[in-house]
Amino acid sequence: MSESQRSRMRIAILGATGSIGRSTLDVAARHPDRFEVFALTANSQADALAQLCAAHRPAYAVIADAARAGALAAQLAAGGLRTRVLAGEPGLIEVAAMPDVDCVMAAIVGAAGLRATLAAAEAGKRLLLANKEALVMAGPIFMGAVRAHGVTLLPIDSEHNAIFQCLPRGGASRIERAGVRRILLTGSGGPFRTRRLSELAAVTPDEACAHPNWTMGRKISVDSATMMNKALEFVEAHFLFDAPAERIEILVHPQSVVHSMVEYADGSVIAQLGNPDMRTPIAQALAYPERIAAGVQPLDLAALGALTFERPDFERFRALALAYEVLRSGGTTPAIFNAANEVAVDAFLRRTISFTRITDVIEEALAGVPSGDVHGLEDVLEADRAGRAFALDRVRSGMLRSA
């Protein structure tokens, strides 16, 4: 092995077949002298994972759906690949903590990525965090592990990555020492920002997934349409930057060019701008503290002409109002919040509840599931289970007649 090969950063991508995973692979492939794809994981898309393995030839592949592991192993062997196949959550945890892995991209959507992401933190990996739900559910536990193991934690959500870039070098947990007055978290408002409220109950999953600016998976696209993604990011920013709720403000910015801002005590406001392309924050995090090309088109400010901002409509986007209540309640409430949303969004995508029912289910779960203190991971996981069970019951009680 050459000296250049030994010095390459070895990356494990948790959630390789999703939009973040594929964008990470795109950036890494542009810099083969710097990065080596060491492990790739997927939930159940064995064929898609096999194709990525053929293209990037990782040492390990993990399929979370253990029933598909045998077929994946056979498919890779038939293609002449020596990639070792692991299965289930134990496989995800194993590759996230492997000594040969330098950097973990945590891009599994939802609560399913929590244990593996936490394992990467406990193993002291350079951690690129795209799985906001892990931090929302278990913020104190997760950030405790980051601090205890000296983890370099780099946020990948475009908003939190922007905030990180606008803070003094070192980013997270520095707002008190850096003279920060406010964090300004921006969001596009999704596809229904100007749709009549009376029409929202009738929108379809395809409409909700048609984001005006970003190309994303279906779950996060629905979250954007309800602005639940911003609600989760609000909670995430609280933990990530040790910021009290009153210092975090949400602004609707339809152009999705200003990804977020930081306001300082002297009146300065520093913003991070760029075309809406997830390869920008991914490249920033992969190369940090350096900068590398990401394949993203340069931003043409003259062509844009104007950038606009507005305060969010809390009647239209009720999830945002709930986020403030979630932080005030604390404990296991964020885990219940996230769990109910995952159940409700899945039901909407299956066309068993209406779009407006999503936030109803979340609100009912917050009112109906008791919150407790967080002493360890099991408290979080139990709240997640309780939140899902309650939300599923509410979904079943309010299913559409046509379903």
Protein backbone atom coordinates (compact mmCIF):
# COMPACT_ATOMS: atom_id res chain seq x y z
CA MET A 1 0.00 0.00 0.00
CA SER A 2 1.36 3.42 -0.96
CA GLU A 3 1.88 6.29 1.49
CA SER A 4 -1.00 8.22 -0.14
CA GLN A 5 -3.33 5.26 0.26
CA ARG A 6 -2.45 4.88 3.95
CA SER A 7 -3.17 8.56 4.59
CA ARG A 8 -6.63 8.51 3.07
CA MET A 9 -9.56 9.00 5.41
CA ARG A 10 -11.61 5.80 5.70
CA ILE A 11 -15.33 6.52 5.69
CA ALA A 12 -18.31 4.46 6.85
CA ILE A 13 -21.59 5.73 5.40
CA LEU A 14 -24.63 4.73 7.44
CA GLY A 15 -27.58 5.09 5.06
CA ALA A 16 -25.63 4.94 1.80
CA THR A 17 -28.61 4.47 -0.53
CA GLY A 18 -30.40 7.65 0.62
CA SER A 19 -29.90 11.12 -0.79
CA ILE A 20 -27.28 12.12 1.82
CA GLY A 21 -25.40 8.85 1.39
CA ARG A 22 -25.27 9.19 -2.39
CA SER A 23 -24.18 12.82 -2.15
CA THR A 24 -21.40 11.76 0.23
CA LEU A 25 -20.24 9.15 -2.24
CA ASP A 26 -20.27 11.75 -5.01
CA VAL A 27 -18.05 14.13 -3.02
CA ALA A 28 -15.69 11.36 -1.92
CA ALA A 29 -15.33 10.07 -5.49
CA ARG A 30 -14.14 13.52 -6.57
CA HIS A 31 -11.19 13.20 -4.18
CA PRO A 32 -9.91 9.59 -4.37
CA ASP A 33 -6.55 10.76 -3.02
CA ARG A 34 -8.20 11.91 0.21
CA PHE A 35 -11.04 9.49 0.93
CA GLU A 36 -11.60 5.73 0.95
CA VAL A 37 -15.09 4.27 1.17
CA PHE A 38 -14.63 1.58 3.81
CA ALA A 39 -18.20 0.57 4.70
CA LEU A 40 -21.65 1.15 3.24
CA THR A 41 -25.00 0.37 4.86
CA ALA A 42 -28.65 0.30 3.79
CA ASN A 43 -31.96 -0.63 5.35
CA SER A 44 -33.55 -3.00 2.84
CA GLN A 45 -32.48 -1.88 -0.64
CA ALA A 46 -30.14 -4.78 -1.30
CA ASP A 47 -29.92 -4.25 -5.06
CA ALA A 48 -29.13 -0.55 -4.68
CA LEU A 49 -26.50 -1.35 -2.03
CA ALA A 50 -24.95 -3.99 -4.30
CA GLN A 51 -24.65 -1.43 -7.10
CA LEU A 52 -22.92 1.03 -4.78
CA CYS A 53 -20.56 -1.70 -3.61
CA ALA A 54 -19.66 -2.52 -7.21
CA ALA A 55 -18.87 1.13 -7.85
CA HIS A 56 -16.96 1.91 -4.63
CA ARG A 57 -15.69 -1.53 -3.51
CA PRO A 58 -15.94 -1.11 0.28
CA ALA A 59 -14.47 -3.62 2.71
CA TYR A 60 -17.87 -3.99 4.44
CA ALA A 61 -21.54 -3.76 3.52
CA VAL A 62 -24.36 -3.88 6.06
CA ILE A 63 -28.02 -4.55 5.32
CA ALA A 64 -30.26 -3.72 8.27
CA ASP A 65 -32.94 -6.10 7.02
CA ALA A 66 -31.16 -9.31 8.02
CA ALA A 67 -33.42 -11.43 5.80
CA ARG A 68 -31.76 -9.89 2.75
CA ALA A 69 -28.16 -10.46 3.87
CA GLY A 70 -27.73 -13.84 2.16
CA ALA A 71 -28.95 -12.57 -1.19
CA LEU A 72 -26.70 -9.52 -0.92
CA ALA A 73 -23.65 -11.64 -0.11
CA ALA A 74 -24.37 -13.92 -3.07
CA GLN A 75 -24.86 -10.95 -5.38
CA LEU A 76 -21.57 -9.35 -4.34
CA ALA A 77 -19.68 -12.65 -4.64
CA ALA A 78 -21.11 -13.21 -8.11
CA GLY A 79 -19.72 -9.82 -9.09
CA GLY A 80 -16.25 -10.77 -7.89
CA LEU A 81 -16.33 -8.45 -4.87
CA ARG A 82 -14.61 -9.36 -1.63
CA THR A 83 -16.86 -7.06 0.41
CA ARG A 84 -17.87 -8.69 3.69
CA VAL A 85 -21.60 -8.55 4.47
CA LEU A 86 -22.95 -7.88 7.97
CA ALA A 87 -26.60 -7.74 8.97
CA GLY A 88 -29.05 -6.06 11.31
CA GLU A 89 -28.47 -3.42 13.96
CA PRO A 90 -25.44 -5.31 15.38
CA GLY A 91 -23.79 -4.97 11.96
CA LEU A 92 -24.50 -1.24 11.86
CA ILE A 93 -23.02 -0.79 15.32
CA GLU A 94 -19.98 -2.90 14.43
CA VAL A 95 -18.97 -0.87 11.36
CA ALA A 96 -19.70 2.44 13.12
CA ALA A 97 -17.14 1.56 15.82
CA MET A 98 -14.52 -0.34 13.79
CA PRO A 99 -10.92 0.67 14.54
CA ASP A 100 -10.17 0.96 10.80
CA VAL A 101 -12.92 3.58 10.33
CA ASP A 102 -11.79 7.20 10.65
CA CYS A 103 -15.04 8.99 9.84
CA VAL A 104 -18.71 8.03 10.10
CA MET A 105 -21.45 9.68 8.05
CA ALA A 106 -24.60 9.12 10.14
CA ALA A 107 -27.34 9.44 7.51
CA ILE A 108 -29.90 6.83 8.57
CA VAL A 109 -33.31 8.49 8.69
CA GLY A 110 -35.19 8.46 11.98
CA ALA A 111 -34.77 6.64 15.26
CA ALA A 112 -33.33 3.58 13.48
CA GLY A 113 -29.92 5.27 13.38
CA LEU A 114 -29.70 6.12 17.07
CA ARG A 115 -27.68 3.18 18.43
CA ALA A 116 -25.16 3.10 15.59
CA THR A 117 -24.65 6.87 15.71
CA LEU A 118 -24.11 6.71 19.46
CA ALA A 119 -21.67 3.82 18.97
CA ALA A 120 -19.63 5.97 16.58
CA ALA A 121 -19.50 8.74 19.18
CA GLU A 122 -18.47 6.34 21.93
CA ALA A 123 -15.71 5.02 19.67
CA GLY A 124 -14.38 8.56 19.24
CA LYS A 125 -14.92 8.74 15.50
CA ARG A 126 -15.01 11.90 13.45
CA LEU A 127 -18.78 12.08 13.21
CA LEU A 128 -20.73 13.72 10.40
CA LEU A 129 -24.25 14.01 11.78
CA ALA A 130 -27.11 13.98 9.27
CA ASN A 131 -29.38 11.93 11.54
CA LYS A 132 -31.06 14.78 13.43
CA GLU A 133 -33.41 12.37 15.19
CA ALA A 134 -30.54 10.83 17.18
CA LEU A 135 -29.79 14.20 18.75
CA VAL A 136 -33.46 15.12 19.19
CA MET A 137 -34.26 11.86 20.97
CA ALA A 138 -31.18 11.54 23.14
CA GLY A 139 -29.53 14.96 23.16
CA PRO A 140 -28.01 14.88 26.68
CA ILE A 141 -26.75 11.31 26.27
CA PHE A 142 -25.39 11.93 22.80
CA MET A 143 -23.63 15.21 23.58
CA GLY A 144 -22.28 13.66 26.78
CA ALA A 145 -20.66 10.91 24.69
CA VAL A 146 -19.26 13.50 22.26
CA ARG A 147 -17.60 15.39 25.08
CA ALA A 148 -16.40 12.30 26.96
CA HIS A 149 -14.71 10.78 23.92
CA GLY A 150 -13.33 13.95 22.32
CA VAL A 151 -15.40 13.55 19.17
CA THR A 152 -15.09 15.96 16.28
CA LEU A 153 -18.81 16.44 15.60
CA LEU A 154 -19.70 18.10 12.32
CA PRO A 155 -23.37 18.80 11.54
CA ILE A 156 -24.59 17.98 8.03
CA ASP A 157 -28.10 19.47 8.02
CA SER A 158 -27.57 22.54 5.86
CA GLU A 159 -28.89 24.81 8.60
CA HIS A 160 -26.73 23.50 11.43
CA ASN A 161 -23.72 23.27 9.16
CA ALA A 162 -24.30 26.93 8.28
CA ILE A 163 -24.49 27.88 11.96
CA PHE A 164 -21.31 25.91 12.63
CA GLN A 165 -19.56 27.85 9.86
CA CYS A 166 -20.82 31.20 11.21
CA LEU A 167 -19.56 30.52 14.72
CA PRO A 168 -15.90 30.92 15.72
CA ARG A 169 -13.79 27.92 14.83
CA GLY A 170 -14.78 25.03 17.04
CA GLY A 171 -18.45 25.72 16.47
CA ALA A 172 -20.60 23.68 18.80
CA SER A 173 -21.30 24.59 22.43
CA ARG A 174 -19.62 27.98 22.18
CA ILE A 175 -22.42 30.54 21.96
CA GLU A 176 -22.03 31.82 25.53
CA ARG A 177 -18.30 32.37 25.10
CA ALA A 178 -18.58 33.75 21.57
CA GLY A 179 -20.87 36.70 22.27
CA VAL A 180 -23.76 35.25 20.28
CA ARG A 181 -27.11 36.96 20.71
CA ARG A 182 -29.28 34.72 18.51
CA ILE A 183 -29.18 31.78 16.14
CA LEU A 184 -31.38 32.41 13.10
CA LEU A 185 -32.55 29.10 11.68
CA THR A 186 -33.95 29.38 8.16
CA GLY A 187 -36.42 27.16 6.32
CA SER A 188 -38.03 27.35 2.90
CA GLY A 189 -41.59 26.87 4.10
CA GLY A 190 -41.96 23.87 1.79
CA PRO A 191 -44.46 23.45 -1.04
CA PHE A 192 -47.52 24.67 0.90
CA ARG A 193 -46.26 27.97 2.28
CA THR A 194 -48.95 29.92 0.40
CA ARG A 195 -51.58 27.19 -0.09
CA ARG A 196 -54.96 27.95 1.46
CA LEU A 197 -55.33 26.29 4.84
CA SER A 198 -58.70 24.89 3.78
CA GLU A 199 -56.99 22.97 0.95
CA LEU A 200 -54.25 21.29 3.00
CA ALA A 201 -56.30 18.29 4.14
CA ALA A 202 -56.64 17.18 0.51
CA VAL A 203 -52.97 17.30 -0.52
CA THR A 204 -51.41 14.03 -1.71
CA PRO A 205 -48.09 12.42 -0.76
CA ASP A 206 -46.69 13.24 -4.20
CA GLU A 207 -47.57 16.91 -3.72
CA ALA A 208 -46.02 16.96 -0.27
CA CYS A 209 -42.83 15.37 -1.58
CA ALA A 210 -42.41 17.92 -4.39
CA HIS A 211 -40.09 20.32 -2.56
CA PRO A 212 -39.56 23.58 -4.47
CA ASN A 213 -35.80 23.75 -3.88
CA TRP A 214 -34.30 20.55 -2.47
CA THR A 215 -34.16 16.96 -3.69
CA MET A 216 -34.73 14.75 -0.64
CA GLY A 217 -36.20 11.43 0.47
CA ARG A 218 -39.95 11.14 0.95
CA LYS A 219 -39.97 11.23 4.76
CA ILE A 220 -37.86 14.38 5.07
CA SER A 221 -39.83 15.96 2.21
CA VAL A 222 -43.08 15.52 4.15
CA ASP A 223 -41.34 16.89 7.24
CA SER A 224 -40.42 19.95 5.20
CA ALA A 225 -44.02 20.36 4.04
CA THR A 226 -45.27 20.39 7.65
CA MET A 227 -42.12 22.25 8.78
CA MET A 228 -41.64 19.45 11.28
CA ASN A 229 -38.10 19.27 9.93
CA LYS A 230 -37.55 22.79 11.25
CA ALA A 231 -39.16 21.86 14.56
CA LEU A 232 -36.73 18.94 14.90
CA GLU A 233 -33.84 21.19 13.85
CA PHE A 234 -34.89 23.70 16.51
CA VAL A 235 -34.52 20.99 19.16
CA GLU A 236 -31.30 19.77 17.55
CA ALA A 237 -29.80 23.29 17.60
CA HIS A 238 -30.60 23.55 21.31
CA PHE A 239 -28.48 20.49 22.07
CA LEU A 240 -25.82 20.94 19.42
CA PHE A 241 -24.96 24.54 20.26
CA ASP A 242 -26.06 24.56 23.92
CA ALA A 243 -28.52 27.31 23.00
CA PRO A 244 -31.63 28.12 25.07
CA ALA A 245 -34.91 28.23 23.15
CA GLU A 246 -35.21 32.01 23.47
CA ARG A 247 -31.94 32.42 21.55
CA ILE A 248 -33.11 30.40 18.56
CA GLU A 249 -35.38 32.08 16.01
CA ILE A 250 -36.92 30.44 12.96
CA LEU A 251 -37.28 32.44 9.74
CA VAL A 252 -39.00 31.38 6.53
CA HIS A 253 -36.68 32.00 3.57
CA PRO A 254 -38.31 30.70 0.36
CA GLN A 255 -35.18 30.87 -1.82
CA SER A 256 -33.18 28.41 0.35
CA VAL A 257 -29.96 30.33 -0.32
CA VAL A 258 -29.20 31.67 3.16
CA HIS A 259 -28.92 28.41 5.06
CA SER A 260 -28.83 30.03 8.50
CA MET A 261 -27.32 33.00 10.35
CA VAL A 262 -25.73 33.93 13.65
CA GLU A 263 -26.32 37.33 15.27
CA TYR A 264 -23.65 38.65 17.62
CA ALA A 265 -23.89 41.02 20.60
CA ASP A 266 -22.32 43.86 18.62
CA GLY A 267 -25.13 43.76 16.03
CA SER A 268 -23.21 41.82 13.39
CA VAL A 269 -25.11 39.08 11.55
CA ILE A 270 -23.03 36.45 9.78
CA ALA A 271 -24.76 34.26 7.20
CA GLN A 272 -23.72 31.21 5.17
CA LEU A 273 -25.04 31.25 1.61
CA GLY A 274 -24.96 28.69 -1.18
CA ASN A 275 -27.02 26.89 -3.76
CA PRO A 276 -29.41 24.32 -2.22
CA ASP A 277 -27.17 21.29 -2.66
CA MET A 278 -26.28 18.95 0.20
CA ARG A 279 -22.84 18.33 -1.26
CA THR A 280 -21.74 21.72 0.12
CA PRO A 281 -22.14 20.88 3.84
CA ILE A 282 -20.93 17.34 3.20
CA ALA A 283 -17.72 18.58 1.58
CA GLN A 284 -17.22 21.14 4.35
CA ALA A 285 -17.50 18.43 6.99
CA LEU A 286 -15.42 15.81 5.19
CA ALA A 287 -12.48 18.18 4.67
CA TYR A 288 -12.83 20.31 7.82
CA PRO A 289 -10.97 22.52 8.57
CA GLU A 290 -9.90 22.65 4.91
CA ARG A 291 -12.10 23.30 1.85
CA ILE A 292 -12.51 21.06 -1.18
CA ALA A 293 -14.53 21.11 -4.39
CA ALA A 294 -18.01 19.60 -4.03
CA GLY A 295 -19.27 19.72 -7.62
CA VAL A 296 -21.77 22.45 -6.68
CA GLN A 297 -22.55 25.27 -9.09
CA PRO A 298 -21.34 28.72 -7.97
CA LEU A 299 -24.00 30.99 -6.49
CA ASP A 300 -25.09 33.76 -8.89
CA LEU A 301 -26.39 36.51 -6.60
CA ALA A 302 -27.13 38.86 -9.48
CA ALA A 303 -29.38 36.26 -11.09
CA LEU A 304 -31.22 35.76 -7.80
CA GLY A 305 -31.98 39.44 -7.55
CA ALA A 306 -33.59 39.33 -4.10
CA LEU A 307 -33.59 37.29 -0.92
CA THR A 308 -36.70 37.43 1.26
CA PHE A 309 -37.48 36.47 4.84
CA GLU A 310 -40.71 36.21 6.80
CA ARG A 311 -41.85 35.06 10.20
CA PRO A 312 -43.43 31.60 10.23
CA ASP A 313 -47.20 31.16 10.42
CA PHE A 314 -47.68 29.05 13.56
CA GLU A 315 -51.27 28.26 12.62
CA ARG A 316 -50.15 26.80 9.30
CA PHE A 317 -47.04 25.15 10.76
CA ARG A 318 -48.24 23.94 14.16
CA ALA A 319 -45.21 21.68 14.58
CA LEU A 320 -43.07 24.77 15.15
CA ALA A 321 -45.17 25.86 18.12
CA LEU A 322 -45.00 22.33 19.50
CA ALA A 323 -41.18 22.41 19.34
CA TYR A 324 -41.07 25.21 21.92
CA GLU A 325 -43.33 23.17 24.22
CA VAL A 326 -41.09 20.12 23.72
CA LEU A 327 -37.99 22.00 24.86
CA ARG A 328 -39.84 23.45 27.85
CA SER A 329 -40.97 19.96 28.91
CA GLY A 330 -37.57 18.33 28.37
CA GLY A 331 -36.87 14.78 29.56
CA THR A 332 -38.21 12.14 27.19
CA THR A 333 -40.65 14.55 25.48
CA PRO A 334 -38.40 15.04 22.42
CA ALA A 335 -38.30 11.26 21.89
CA ILE A 336 -42.12 11.10 22.00
CA PHE A 337 -42.29 14.07 19.61
CA ASN A 338 -40.06 12.35 17.07
CA ALA A 339 -41.69 8.93 17.42
CA ALA A 340 -45.20 10.24 16.83
CA ASN A 341 -44.04 12.13 13.78
CA GLU A 342 -42.39 9.07 12.22
CA VAL A 343 -45.57 7.03 12.66
CA ALA A 344 -47.82 9.82 11.35
CA VAL A 345 -45.67 10.56 8.30
CA ASP A 346 -45.52 6.88 7.41
CA ALA A 347 -49.31 6.70 7.66
CA PHE A 348 -49.69 9.74 5.42
CA LEU A 349 -47.31 8.30 2.83
CA ARG A 350 -49.41 5.12 2.89
CA ARG A 351 -52.49 7.31 2.35
CA THR A 352 -54.18 6.15 5.56
CA ILE A 353 -54.40 9.62 7.14
CA SER A 354 -54.67 13.11 5.69
CA PHE A 355 -51.81 15.61 5.57
CA THR A 356 -53.27 17.82 8.30
CA ARG A 357 -53.78 14.79 10.55
CA ILE A 358 -49.98 14.39 10.85
CA THR A 359 -49.62 17.25 13.29
CA ASP A 360 -52.84 16.25 15.09
CA VAL A 361 -51.33 12.84 15.87
CA ILE A 362 -48.12 14.43 17.16
CA GLU A 363 -50.00 16.84 19.40
CA GLU A 364 -52.20 14.06 20.76
CA ALA A 365 -49.15 11.92 21.54
CA LEU A 366 -47.47 14.76 23.43
CA ALA A 367 -50.62 15.18 25.51
CA GLY A 368 -51.27 11.46 25.99
CA VAL A 369 -47.86 9.89 26.64
CA PRO A 370 -46.29 10.70 30.03
CA SER A 371 -42.81 12.23 29.86
CA GLY A 372 -40.06 11.19 32.24
CA ASP A 373 -36.48 12.01 33.10
CA VAL A 374 -33.59 10.70 30.99
CA HIS A 375 -31.14 8.67 33.08
CA GLY A 376 -29.91 6.44 30.26
CA LEU A 377 -30.57 5.25 26.73
CA GLU A 378 -33.28 2.81 27.83
CA ASP A 379 -35.41 5.72 29.08
CA VAL A 380 -35.23 7.24 25.60
CA LEU A 381 -36.00 3.97 23.84
CA GLU A 382 -38.96 3.27 26.13
CA ALA A 383 -40.37 6.73 25.40
CA ASP A 384 -39.87 6.06 21.70
CA ARG A 385 -41.79 2.78 21.98
CA ALA A 386 -44.60 4.41 23.96
CA GLY A 387 -44.83 7.31 21.55
CA ARG A 388 -45.04 4.99 18.55
CA ALA A 389 -47.69 2.79 20.15
CA PHE A 390 -49.86 5.76 21.09
CA ALA A 391 -49.46 7.40 17.66
CA LEU A 392 -50.27 4.14 15.87
CA ASP A 393 -53.44 3.82 17.90
CA ARG A 394 -54.45 7.39 16.99
CA VAL A 395 -53.67 6.71 13.33
CA ARG A 396 -55.88 3.61 13.34
CA SER A 397 -58.71 5.46 15.01
CA GLY A 398 -58.66 8.20 12.39
CA MET A 399 -57.88 6.31 9.19
CA LEU A 400 -59.36 7.65 5.97
CA ARG A 401 -62.47 5.83 4.80
CA SER A 402 -60.93 5.32 1.38
CA ALA A 403 -57.82 3.61 2.77
